[in-house]
Protein backbone atom coordinates (compact mmCIF):
# COMPACT_ATOMS: atom_id res chain seq x y z
CA MET A 1 -124.36 -1.10 13.90
CA LYS A 2 -126.56 -0.03 16.81
CA LYS A 3 -125.58 -3.18 18.72
CA THR A 4 -121.91 -2.46 18.13
CA LEU A 5 -122.28 1.09 19.41
CA LYS A 6 -124.20 -0.22 22.39
CA TYR A 7 -121.39 -2.65 23.30
CA VAL A 8 -118.77 0.05 22.77
CA GLY A 9 -120.74 2.27 25.12
CA TYR A 10 -120.93 -0.50 27.75
CA PHE A 11 -117.17 -1.09 27.44
CA ALA A 12 -116.41 2.63 27.75
CA LEU A 13 -118.63 2.84 30.83
CA PHE A 14 -116.94 -0.23 32.34
CA LEU A 15 -113.54 1.27 31.61
CA LEU A 16 -114.47 4.55 33.28
CA VAL A 17 -115.80 2.75 36.35
CA ALA A 18 -112.64 0.59 36.55
CA ILE A 19 -110.36 3.62 36.24
CA GLY A 20 -112.41 5.48 38.86
CA ALA A 21 -112.20 2.51 41.22
CA LEU A 22 -108.44 2.25 40.69
CA LEU A 23 -107.86 5.95 41.32
CA THR A 24 -110.06 5.81 44.42
CA TYR A 25 -108.03 2.86 45.71
CA VAL A 26 -104.73 4.64 45.04
CA LYS A 27 -105.92 7.75 46.87
CA ALA A 28 -107.71 6.02 49.76
CA ALA A 29 -105.69 2.86 50.46
CA LEU A 30 -102.17 3.99 49.57
CA PRO A 31 -99.49 4.59 50.67
CA ASN A 32 -99.38 1.54 52.91
CA VAL A 33 -96.11 1.23 54.83
CA GLY A 34 -97.54 0.37 58.22
CA LYS A 35 -98.08 2.45 61.32
CA ALA A 36 -95.37 4.59 62.87
CA GLU A 37 -93.50 2.81 65.66
CA ASP A 38 -94.06 3.64 69.30
CA LEU A 39 -90.50 4.83 69.69
CA LYS A 40 -88.60 7.13 72.04
CA ILE A 41 -84.98 7.78 71.10
CA GLU A 42 -82.37 8.63 73.73
CA TYR A 43 -80.70 11.85 72.60
CA THR A 44 -77.17 11.09 73.76
CA PRO A 45 -74.21 13.40 72.97
CA GLU A 46 -72.76 10.60 70.81
CA ARG A 47 -75.94 10.32 68.75
CA ILE A 48 -76.27 14.09 68.36
CA ALA A 49 -72.65 14.36 67.17
CA ARG A 50 -73.10 11.49 64.70
CA GLY A 51 -76.39 12.98 63.51
CA LYS A 52 -74.79 16.37 62.92
CA TYR A 53 -72.03 14.76 60.86
CA LEU A 54 -74.54 12.84 58.76
CA ALA A 55 -77.06 15.66 58.28
CA THR A 56 -74.48 18.31 57.38
CA SER A 57 -71.77 16.32 55.55
CA VAL A 58 -73.19 12.99 54.29
CA THR A 59 -76.97 12.94 53.80
CA VAL A 60 -76.72 16.75 53.68
CA CYS A 61 -80.31 17.28 54.81
CA MET A 62 -79.40 20.94 55.26
CA ASP A 63 -78.74 21.32 51.53
CA CYS A 64 -82.44 21.30 50.62
CA HIS A 65 -83.87 22.33 53.99
CA SER A 66 -81.96 25.63 54.31
CA LYS A 67 -81.56 28.71 52.13
CA ARG A 68 -78.51 28.79 49.84
CA ASP A 69 -76.72 31.93 48.64
CA TRP A 70 -76.44 31.55 44.87
CA SER A 71 -74.44 34.78 44.52
CA LEU A 72 -71.51 32.67 45.78
CA PHE A 73 -69.94 29.57 44.21
CA SER A 74 -71.74 26.33 45.11
CA GLY A 75 -74.51 28.16 46.97
CA PRO A 76 -73.26 27.98 50.58
CA LEU A 77 -75.91 28.10 53.30
CA VAL A 78 -77.23 31.48 54.38
CA PRO A 79 -76.48 31.90 58.10
CA GLY A 80 -79.57 31.73 60.30
CA THR A 81 -81.60 29.55 57.90
CA LEU A 82 -80.45 26.09 59.04
CA GLY A 83 -83.35 23.69 58.58
CA GLN A 84 -86.02 26.34 57.97
CA GLY A 85 -87.23 24.78 54.70
CA GLY A 86 -89.23 26.57 52.04
CA GLU A 87 -86.89 25.87 49.11
CA ARG A 88 -88.83 25.34 45.86
CA PHE A 89 -88.07 22.60 43.30
CA ASP A 90 -90.27 22.59 40.22
CA GLN A 91 -90.77 21.76 36.56
CA THR A 92 -87.67 23.77 35.52
CA LEU A 93 -85.64 20.93 37.08
CA GLY A 94 -87.55 18.26 35.18
CA LEU A 95 -89.80 17.50 38.14
CA PRO A 96 -93.49 16.56 37.79
CA GLY A 97 -94.81 19.40 39.92
CA LEU A 98 -93.79 21.86 42.61
CA PHE A 99 -92.11 20.35 45.67
CA VAL A 100 -91.17 22.48 48.68
CA SER A 101 -88.75 21.44 51.43
CA LYS A 102 -90.21 21.19 54.92
CA ASN A 103 -89.22 23.09 58.04
CA ILE A 104 -87.12 20.52 59.94
CA THR A 105 -86.26 22.70 62.91
CA PRO A 106 -88.13 21.88 66.13
CA HIS A 107 -90.71 24.48 65.09
CA GLY A 108 -91.69 22.21 62.21
CA LEU A 109 -90.99 18.83 63.81
CA ASN A 110 -92.24 19.15 67.38
CA ARG A 111 -95.63 17.77 66.35
CA TYR A 112 -93.89 14.55 65.26
CA THR A 113 -93.06 11.67 67.58
CA ASP A 114 -89.72 9.93 67.11
CA GLY A 115 -91.52 6.99 65.51
CA GLU A 116 -93.32 9.27 63.06
CA LEU A 117 -90.02 10.95 62.16
CA LEU A 118 -88.41 7.56 61.58
CA ARG A 119 -91.27 6.62 59.25
CA VAL A 120 -91.23 9.83 57.20
CA ILE A 121 -87.43 9.80 56.80
CA THR A 122 -87.24 6.14 55.75
CA THR A 123 -90.52 5.65 53.85
CA GLY A 124 -91.68 9.12 52.79
CA VAL A 125 -95.03 8.90 54.60
CA ASN A 126 -95.77 11.88 56.85
CA LYS A 127 -97.65 12.16 60.12
CA GLU A 128 -100.98 12.42 58.28
CA GLY A 129 -100.25 9.30 56.23
CA GLN A 130 -99.59 11.29 53.03
CA ALA A 131 -96.89 10.31 50.53
CA MET A 132 -93.96 12.57 49.76
CA PHE A 133 -92.28 12.79 46.36
CA PRO A 134 -88.82 11.16 46.60
CA LEU A 135 -87.00 14.43 45.93
CA MET A 136 -85.96 13.77 49.51
CA PRO A 137 -84.29 10.43 48.78
CA TYR A 138 -86.15 8.44 51.42
CA PRO A 139 -85.76 5.17 49.44
CA TYR A 140 -82.03 5.50 50.18
CA TYR A 141 -82.50 6.51 53.80
CA GLY A 142 -84.76 3.48 54.22
CA ARG A 143 -81.71 1.30 53.52
CA MET A 144 -79.55 2.96 56.16
CA ASP A 145 -78.71 1.62 59.61
CA ARG A 146 -81.51 2.50 62.02
CA GLU A 147 -78.91 3.78 64.47
CA ASP A 148 -77.80 6.36 61.90
CA ILE A 149 -81.41 7.51 61.40
CA PHE A 150 -81.84 7.70 65.19
CA SER A 151 -78.75 9.93 65.28
CA ILE A 152 -80.15 12.25 62.60
CA ILE A 153 -83.41 12.56 64.53
CA ALA A 154 -81.50 13.32 67.74
CA TYR A 155 -79.55 16.08 65.95
CA LEU A 156 -82.63 17.64 64.34
CA ARG A 157 -84.20 17.97 67.78
CA THR A 158 -81.27 20.24 68.79
CA LEU A 159 -81.62 22.77 65.95
CA SER A 160 -82.66 26.32 66.80
CA PRO A 161 -86.41 26.64 66.13
CA ILE A 162 -87.21 28.90 63.17
CA GLU A 163 -90.75 30.07 62.50
CA ASN A 164 -91.15 29.64 58.76
CA ALA A 165 -94.48 28.66 57.25
CA VAL A 166 -93.87 26.48 54.20
CA GLU A 167 -96.27 26.30 51.26
CA PRO A 168 -97.57 22.82 50.36
CA SER A 169 -96.10 20.79 47.53
CA ARG A 170 -98.30 20.41 44.44
CA PRO A 171 -97.55 17.41 42.19
CA ASP A 172 -98.85 17.62 38.64
CA PHE A 173 -101.32 15.12 37.19
CA PRO A 174 -100.86 12.14 37.02
CA MET A 175 -98.06 12.32 39.65
CA ASN A 176 -100.66 13.41 42.21
CA PHE A 177 -101.95 9.81 41.97
CA ILE A 178 -98.69 8.01 41.19
CA ILE A 179 -97.01 9.55 44.25
CA ASN A 180 -99.10 7.31 46.54
CA THR A 181 -97.63 4.18 44.95
CA ILE A 182 -93.98 5.16 45.57
CA PRO A 183 -93.46 4.71 49.35
CA LYS A 184 -92.45 1.21 50.41
CA PRO A 185 -91.59 -0.22 53.84
CA SER A 186 -87.98 0.49 54.78
CA ILE A 187 -85.35 -2.24 54.56
CA PRO A 188 -82.69 -1.09 57.05
CA GLN A 189 -79.15 -2.44 56.80
CA LYS A 190 -76.37 -2.58 59.33
CA ARG A 191 -73.55 -0.17 58.58
CA PRO A 192 -70.65 -2.31 57.27
CA GLU A 193 -67.27 -2.26 58.95
CA LYS A 194 -64.86 0.29 57.48
CA SER A 195 -62.38 -2.51 56.88
CA ASP A 196 -64.71 -3.79 54.13
CA GLN A 197 -64.02 -0.72 52.00
CA ILE A 198 -66.25 -1.49 49.02
CA ALA A 199 -69.26 -2.47 51.14
CA TYR A 200 -68.71 0.52 53.41
CA GLY A 201 -68.34 2.79 50.37
CA ALA A 202 -71.60 1.44 48.95
CA TYR A 203 -73.30 2.24 52.26
CA MET A 204 -71.91 5.78 52.34
CA ILE A 205 -72.74 6.51 48.70
CA ASN A 206 -76.30 5.33 49.33
CA ALA A 207 -76.53 7.63 52.37
CA SER A 208 -75.12 10.52 50.32
CA GLY A 209 -77.59 9.97 47.49
CA CYS A 210 -74.86 10.57 44.87
CA VAL A 211 -76.72 8.56 42.23
CA GLU A 212 -79.67 10.97 42.30
CA CYS A 213 -77.74 13.99 41.03
CA HIS A 214 -75.20 12.10 38.94
CA THR A 215 -77.75 10.26 36.79
CA LYS A 216 -80.04 11.54 34.06
CA VAL A 217 -83.74 11.57 34.90
CA GLU A 218 -86.99 10.97 33.08
CA LYS A 219 -90.09 12.59 34.59
CA GLY A 220 -88.21 13.19 37.82
CA ARG A 221 -87.03 9.58 38.23
CA ILE A 222 -83.44 8.48 37.56
CA ILE A 223 -82.67 6.12 34.67
CA PRO A 224 -81.02 3.15 36.49
CA GLU A 225 -78.99 1.91 33.53
CA LEU A 226 -77.25 5.30 33.42
CA SER A 227 -76.36 5.36 37.12
CA PHE A 228 -73.48 7.69 38.06
CA SER A 229 -72.78 8.64 34.41
CA GLY A 230 -73.76 12.28 34.95
CA GLY A 231 -75.56 14.70 32.69
CA ARG A 232 -78.50 15.56 34.93
CA GLU A 233 -79.47 19.18 34.31
CA PHE A 234 -79.91 21.85 36.97
CA ALA A 235 -81.20 25.26 35.96
CA PHE A 236 -80.29 28.54 37.61
CA ALA A 237 -82.65 31.49 37.94
CA ASP A 238 -80.93 33.32 35.07
CA GLY A 239 -81.60 30.42 32.69
CA SER A 240 -78.05 29.04 32.77
CA MET A 241 -77.73 25.26 32.97
CA VAL A 242 -75.20 23.16 34.86
CA ARG A 243 -74.91 19.39 34.46
CA SER A 244 -73.59 16.77 36.86
CA SER A 245 -70.28 15.02 36.21
CA ASN A 246 -69.76 11.45 35.08
CA ILE A 247 -68.37 9.70 38.17
CA THR A 248 -68.16 6.19 36.73
CA PRO A 249 -64.62 4.81 36.19
CA ASP A 250 -64.75 5.52 32.45
CA VAL A 251 -61.21 6.55 31.49
CA GLU A 252 -62.11 9.26 28.98
CA SER A 253 -65.28 10.86 30.40
CA GLY A 254 -65.35 9.73 34.04
CA ILE A 255 -62.94 9.30 36.97
CA GLY A 256 -61.03 6.36 35.53
CA LYS A 257 -57.70 8.21 35.70
CA TRP A 258 -58.25 9.67 39.15
CA THR A 259 -56.31 8.59 42.23
CA GLU A 260 -57.79 8.31 45.72
CA GLU A 261 -55.94 11.46 46.82
CA MET A 262 -57.20 13.44 43.81
CA PHE A 263 -60.76 12.48 44.69
CA ILE A 264 -60.39 13.40 48.38
CA GLN A 265 -58.72 16.72 47.62
CA LYS A 266 -61.52 17.62 45.21
CA PHE A 267 -63.68 17.86 48.33
CA LYS A 268 -61.21 18.91 51.00
CA VAL A 269 -60.13 22.10 49.25
CA PHE A 270 -63.51 23.51 50.32
CA SER A 271 -62.86 22.81 54.01
CA ASP A 272 -59.45 24.51 54.04
CA SER A 273 -59.35 27.43 56.47
CA SER A 274 -58.16 29.71 53.66
CA TYR A 275 -61.11 28.91 51.37
CA VAL A 276 -63.46 31.83 50.66
CA PRO A 277 -66.40 31.26 48.27
CA GLU A 278 -66.03 33.22 45.04
CA LYS A 279 -68.63 35.74 43.94
CA VAL A 280 -70.54 34.48 40.90
CA LYS A 281 -72.40 36.83 38.56
CA PRO A 282 -75.53 35.74 36.66
CA GLY A 283 -74.49 33.78 33.58
CA GLU A 284 -71.14 32.69 35.04
CA PHE A 285 -70.33 29.08 35.89
CA ASN A 286 -71.73 27.88 39.20
CA SER A 287 -72.31 24.46 40.77
CA TRP A 288 -75.35 22.90 42.43
CA MET A 289 -73.04 20.51 44.26
CA PRO A 290 -72.95 21.52 47.97
CA TRP A 291 -69.14 21.28 48.08
CA VAL A 292 -68.70 22.96 51.47
CA MET A 293 -71.10 20.52 53.14
CA TYR A 294 -69.60 17.41 51.56
CA SER A 295 -66.10 18.68 52.34
CA GLY A 296 -66.81 17.97 56.00
CA MET A 297 -66.86 14.23 55.30
CA ASP A 298 -64.06 12.19 56.88
CA ARG A 299 -61.18 11.31 54.56
CA GLU A 300 -61.77 7.63 55.32
CA ASP A 301 -65.40 7.93 54.22
CA LEU A 302 -64.48 9.80 51.03
CA ALA A 303 -61.86 7.15 50.24
CA ALA A 304 -64.44 4.39 50.64
CA ILE A 305 -66.84 6.20 48.29
CA PHE A 306 -64.03 6.57 45.73
CA HIS A 307 -63.20 2.87 45.83
CA TYR A 308 -66.85 1.92 45.47
CA LEU A 309 -67.20 4.23 42.43
CA LYS A 310 -64.14 2.61 40.88
CA SER A 311 -65.97 -0.72 41.14
CA VAL A 312 -69.12 0.31 39.22
CA LYS A 313 -69.71 -0.17 35.50
CA PRO A 314 -67.82 2.44 33.42
CA ILE A 315 -70.15 4.39 31.15
CA SER A 316 -68.90 6.63 28.37
CA ASN A 317 -70.75 9.94 28.64
CA LYS A 318 -68.90 13.19 27.97
CA VAL A 319 -70.84 15.88 29.79
CA GLU A 320 -71.02 19.52 28.73
CA LYS A 321 -70.74 20.98 32.22
CA PHE A 322 -72.28 24.40 31.77
CA THR A 323 -74.37 26.38 29.30
CA ALA A 324 -74.79 30.10 29.89
CA ASN A 325 -78.12 31.71 29.09
């Protein structure tokens, strides 16, 4: 009996040492995506214009990195907060910790070189070599055309500087260790020609990160086999809950009966000059979808996204859109 206990003790000690060594490796050696490039981007008017289009209407960087007015439908941006960061995303959204958006105005980014910005946007590894939680969908940005990322960087450099100190993110255990294993080297792709509508739509939907909000999550990570089928929950401050729509081509619960024009107009109504955001009282239906920002997308780009969505696997999932507190 004593021998057995002795061996159990040795095994437990070995196990503790092995776990300690593994955790030390994860913290000390990871993430490992390589050094930031020695890169200097030319900030041409064409790149700045393209970057503005992407950052405000496609990748919608400004959605998370600005303040939104939730007293109005769809939470339009509060004027004067563009890129200031400081928005909090926490456990109430099913996330494994508190994650706070960074200040991406020149006040927050001037300490970054262009190469360091390219690395953090496409791999999630910051200037100090620390991993970011993929709430910012850097795995998707890492698959974008480098020229598009260059354009976003060029645009961000033109934003009005805003002094706004942002609190650090605090992942819960064990995410504070797991987070270091998430970043991977980017795999950039060339932007397909618009004539190849499905391939171009796939590129645009990747850049827009649609799958992140329109897929259920488990411990903050999407469930791939449920991609685009909706049902992800987003809580409002009053306790109300809104859920994302099923955008697979399922006929009964998705967009199977939609036409291209129906899909485009769903967005474009928010860019009409006569549109005024409705006031929304606590407990009334609201939407996390940044409709006004996405409404700025070109019709051709929206059409390509629609045709790509029509090509994905239909999944039957009837979503209860809203639950009041």
